[in-house]
Amino acid sequence: MERETAYLKTTDPLLANVMEAVGPLTHYLETDGFAFLVEAIVGQMLSTKAADTIAKRVRNLVGGELKPELLSLTDEQALRGCGLSGRKARTILDLASYLCTHKEALSQLGTLSDDECMKELTKHTGIGAWTAKMYLIFVLDRPDILPYEDGALRQAFFSVYGTNKEEAIKQRGRLWSPYCSIASRYLYRYLDLGLTRARVQ
C-alpha cells in the first residue's frame, strides 16, 4: 500500500500523524462473506463486547459454522434466545433463506461497482448503508468507501479533527479519495490501540 499511504500522508498532515502513530497496517480480508454479514447484523448498534457474546451464542447454536444452510434450519425464537432482537433474527433468517436459493449472490458482488453492490446488499430488509459499507471494505477490499455513519470512525475522527459532523467527515473524504477505505482503516486502528485519548496535533 505504499502508493496509497504516500498519497494520504501528502494530502492530509493530520492523518499522516495518525499513520505514523499506528504504524503499518496489517491488511487482511474476511473470506466468509455470509459469516461477516451475520456478525455485522448482530453488531448493529451494539458494543463490541456485547456483539461478540451474541455472535458466539449464534455460532454455538448452529454447531460453530455460520452457513446459510445451517441458519435456515433455525427459527426466530432460537435466535432471540441468543440475545438477538426480533428484527435482527428475521434479517438473518431471510438472508440465509435467500442465499440458499441464490448461492452465487455474494460471489457475484465482486463483479459489480460499489454503487451496485450497495444497492444489492441494502435491498435486504435490515441491511443498511453501514453494514453494506463494512462488507465492501472488509470483504470486497474496495479502496474508496467512507463509512461516515460508523460510531467508531466518528469517535476516532473527533479525536483527530475536533468534530464528528457528517459533512466534515465527507469533506475530509473528498480529500482522501480515492483511498477513503484505507484512511478509515487507519482511524479504526488508531481507536483500537487506545491512541484517541491524546488528540493528534
Protein backbone atom coordinates (compact mmCIF):
# COMPACT_ATOMS: atom_id res chain seq x y z
CA MET A 1 0.00 0.00 0.00
CA GLU A 2 2.99 2.31 -0.40
CA ARG A 3 1.39 4.42 -3.12
CA GLU A 4 -1.85 4.82 -1.19
CA THR A 5 -0.21 5.71 2.12
CA ALA A 6 2.12 8.20 0.45
CA TYR A 7 -0.87 9.88 -1.17
CA LEU A 8 -2.78 10.13 2.12
CA LYS A 9 0.22 11.45 4.04
CA THR A 10 0.75 14.14 1.42
CA THR A 11 -2.85 15.26 1.23
CA ASP A 12 -3.68 15.20 4.97
CA PRO A 13 -0.95 16.08 7.51
CA LEU A 14 -3.19 15.22 10.49
CA LEU A 15 -3.90 11.79 9.08
CA ALA A 16 -0.17 11.44 8.41
CA ASN A 17 0.40 11.84 12.15
CA VAL A 18 -2.19 9.13 12.83
CA MET A 19 -0.48 6.85 10.33
CA GLU A 20 2.89 7.38 11.97
CA ALA A 21 1.41 6.63 15.40
CA VAL A 22 -0.32 3.47 14.18
CA GLY A 23 2.49 2.10 12.03
CA PRO A 24 2.00 -0.25 9.07
CA LEU A 25 -1.46 -1.75 8.74
CA THR A 26 -1.92 -5.48 8.68
CA HIS A 27 -4.02 -5.83 5.57
CA TYR A 28 -6.43 -8.73 5.89
CA LEU A 29 -9.76 -9.54 4.33
CA GLU A 30 -12.69 -11.55 5.61
CA THR A 31 -13.05 -14.63 3.43
CA ASP A 32 -16.53 -15.76 4.51
CA GLY A 33 -18.96 -13.14 3.26
CA PHE A 34 -22.06 -14.64 4.82
CA ALA A 35 -20.48 -15.05 8.26
CA PHE A 36 -19.25 -11.47 8.04
CA LEU A 37 -22.77 -10.22 7.25
CA VAL A 38 -24.30 -12.21 10.09
CA GLU A 39 -21.80 -10.80 12.57
CA ALA A 40 -22.25 -7.29 11.16
CA ILE A 41 -26.03 -7.59 11.59
CA VAL A 42 -25.52 -8.85 15.13
CA GLY A 43 -23.21 -5.90 15.85
CA GLN A 44 -25.54 -3.16 14.65
CA MET A 45 -25.87 -0.54 17.43
CA LEU A 46 -24.09 -2.75 19.98
CA SER A 47 -20.79 -2.55 21.80
CA THR A 48 -18.06 -4.85 20.53
CA LYS A 49 -18.22 -6.93 23.72
CA ALA A 50 -21.99 -7.44 23.54
CA ALA A 51 -21.84 -8.22 19.83
CA ASP A 52 -19.08 -10.79 20.30
CA THR A 53 -21.03 -12.52 23.06
CA ILE A 54 -24.18 -12.81 20.96
CA ALA A 55 -22.29 -13.87 17.83
CA LYS A 56 -20.62 -16.66 19.82
CA ARG A 57 -24.03 -17.87 21.00
CA VAL A 58 -25.34 -17.89 17.43
CA ARG A 59 -22.31 -19.86 16.28
CA ASN A 60 -22.82 -22.39 19.08
CA LEU A 61 -26.49 -22.68 18.13
CA VAL A 62 -25.59 -23.93 14.65
CA GLY A 63 -22.57 -26.00 15.59
CA GLY A 64 -19.85 -23.44 15.13
CA GLU A 65 -20.18 -22.51 11.45
CA LEU A 66 -22.27 -19.61 10.18
CA LYS A 67 -23.60 -21.11 6.97
CA PRO A 68 -26.88 -20.23 5.21
CA GLU A 69 -27.94 -23.87 5.15
CA LEU A 70 -27.48 -24.24 8.90
CA LEU A 71 -29.05 -20.96 9.92
CA SER A 72 -32.05 -21.54 7.68
CA LEU A 73 -32.86 -24.58 9.85
CA THR A 74 -33.19 -22.43 12.97
CA ASP A 75 -36.08 -20.13 13.82
CA GLU A 76 -36.65 -16.66 15.18
CA GLN A 77 -37.27 -17.86 18.72
CA ALA A 78 -33.97 -19.73 18.84
CA LEU A 79 -32.06 -16.71 17.58
CA ARG A 80 -33.80 -14.43 20.02
CA GLY A 81 -32.71 -16.81 22.74
CA CYS A 82 -29.13 -15.93 21.75
CA GLY A 83 -29.84 -12.29 22.56
CA LEU A 84 -30.87 -11.01 19.14
CA SER A 85 -33.79 -8.67 18.63
CA GLY A 86 -36.68 -9.96 16.57
CA ARG A 87 -35.71 -7.64 13.71
CA LYS A 88 -32.12 -8.88 13.59
CA ALA A 89 -33.23 -12.51 13.85
CA ARG A 90 -35.62 -12.08 10.92
CA THR A 91 -32.95 -10.32 8.87
CA ILE A 92 -30.51 -13.19 9.39
CA LEU A 93 -33.13 -15.83 8.62
CA ASP A 94 -34.32 -14.01 5.49
CA LEU A 95 -30.73 -13.60 4.26
CA ALA A 96 -29.93 -17.25 4.94
CA SER A 97 -33.05 -18.36 3.09
CA TYR A 98 -32.24 -16.10 0.14
CA LEU A 99 -28.68 -17.39 -0.15
CA CYS A 100 -29.84 -21.00 0.00
CA THR A 101 -31.62 -20.40 -3.30
CA HIS A 102 -29.21 -17.79 -4.72
CA LYS A 103 -25.91 -19.49 -3.92
CA GLU A 104 -23.78 -17.24 -6.12
CA ALA A 105 -25.28 -13.95 -4.96
CA LEU A 106 -22.41 -12.94 -2.71
CA SER A 107 -19.64 -14.06 -5.05
CA GLN A 108 -21.26 -12.09 -7.86
CA LEU A 109 -20.93 -8.88 -5.84
CA GLY A 110 -17.25 -8.86 -6.74
CA THR A 111 -18.14 -8.14 -10.36
CA LEU A 112 -20.30 -5.10 -9.54
CA SER A 113 -19.47 -1.45 -8.99
CA ASP A 114 -19.51 0.00 -5.49
CA ASP A 115 -22.92 1.59 -6.03
CA GLU A 116 -24.33 -1.62 -7.49
CA CYS A 117 -23.01 -3.60 -4.52
CA MET A 118 -24.61 -1.16 -2.10
CA LYS A 119 -27.91 -1.48 -3.93
CA GLU A 120 -27.80 -5.28 -3.92
CA LEU A 121 -26.94 -5.55 -0.24
CA THR A 122 -29.37 -2.92 1.03
CA LYS A 123 -32.30 -4.45 -0.83
CA HIS A 124 -32.43 -6.91 2.07
CA THR A 125 -34.51 -5.56 4.95
CA GLY A 126 -32.28 -4.97 7.95
CA ILE A 127 -29.11 -4.40 5.93
CA GLY A 128 -28.45 -0.69 5.71
CA ALA A 129 -25.68 1.51 4.40
CA TRP A 130 -23.38 0.86 7.38
CA THR A 131 -23.49 -2.92 7.07
CA ALA A 132 -23.08 -2.74 3.29
CA LYS A 133 -20.07 -0.41 3.58
CA MET A 134 -18.41 -2.71 6.10
CA TYR A 135 -18.82 -5.53 3.59
CA LEU A 136 -17.30 -3.50 0.78
CA ILE A 137 -14.31 -2.51 2.92
CA PHE A 138 -13.52 -5.73 4.78
CA VAL A 139 -14.70 -8.42 2.36
CA LEU A 140 -14.51 -6.93 -1.13
CA ASP A 141 -11.48 -4.72 -0.40
CA ARG A 142 -12.96 -1.71 -2.17
CA PRO A 143 -10.48 1.19 -1.71
CA ASP A 144 -12.75 4.24 -1.69
CA ILE A 145 -15.55 3.65 0.82
CA LEU A 146 -16.28 6.23 3.52
CA PRO A 147 -18.35 4.82 6.42
CA TYR A 148 -19.22 8.21 7.90
CA GLU A 149 -22.18 6.61 9.68
CA ASP A 150 -19.95 4.41 11.82
CA GLY A 151 -19.71 5.27 15.51
CA ALA A 152 -16.12 4.06 15.87
CA LEU A 153 -14.97 6.07 12.88
CA ARG A 154 -16.73 9.16 14.20
CA GLN A 155 -15.08 8.73 17.60
CA ALA A 156 -11.61 8.45 16.08
CA PHE A 157 -12.31 11.28 13.66
CA PHE A 158 -13.35 13.58 16.51
CA SER A 159 -10.14 12.82 18.37
CA VAL A 160 -8.07 13.88 15.38
CA TYR A 161 -10.11 16.67 13.79
CA GLY A 162 -12.15 18.06 16.69
CA THR A 163 -15.52 17.37 15.07
CA ASN A 164 -17.52 14.35 14.01
CA LYS A 165 -20.19 16.10 11.97
CA GLU A 166 -21.22 14.16 8.90
CA GLU A 167 -20.39 16.96 6.46
CA ALA A 168 -16.92 17.40 7.98
CA ILE A 169 -16.20 13.69 7.51
CA LYS A 170 -17.49 13.80 3.94
CA GLN A 171 -15.37 16.84 3.20
CA ARG A 172 -12.28 15.08 4.54
CA GLY A 173 -13.28 12.05 2.48
CA ARG A 174 -13.11 14.12 -0.66
CA LEU A 175 -9.51 14.85 0.29
CA TRP A 176 -8.75 11.18 0.94
CA SER A 177 -10.40 9.87 -2.23
CA PRO A 178 -9.70 7.50 -3.95
CA TYR A 179 -8.39 5.85 -0.75
CA CYS A 180 -11.13 6.53 1.82
CA SER A 181 -11.19 2.90 2.93
CA ILE A 182 -7.51 2.95 3.82
CA ALA A 183 -7.83 6.24 5.70
CA SER A 184 -10.77 4.72 7.58
CA ARG A 185 -8.76 1.62 8.44
CA TYR A 186 -6.05 3.80 9.96
CA LEU A 187 -8.61 5.64 12.08
CA TYR A 188 -10.13 2.34 13.23
CA ARG A 189 -6.70 1.08 14.21
CA TYR A 190 -5.91 4.35 15.95
CA LEU A 191 -9.00 3.84 18.08
CA ASP A 192 -8.28 0.15 18.71
CA LEU A 193 -4.81 1.00 20.02
CA GLY A 194 -6.25 3.47 22.52
CA LEU A 195 -4.44 6.40 20.94
CA THR A 196 -7.53 8.60 20.77
CA ARG A 197 -7.10 9.54 24.41
CA ALA A 198 -4.49 12.06 23.29
CA ARG A 199 -5.57 14.16 20.34
CA VAL A 200 -3.11 14.25 17.46
CA GLN A 201 -1.57 17.69 16.96
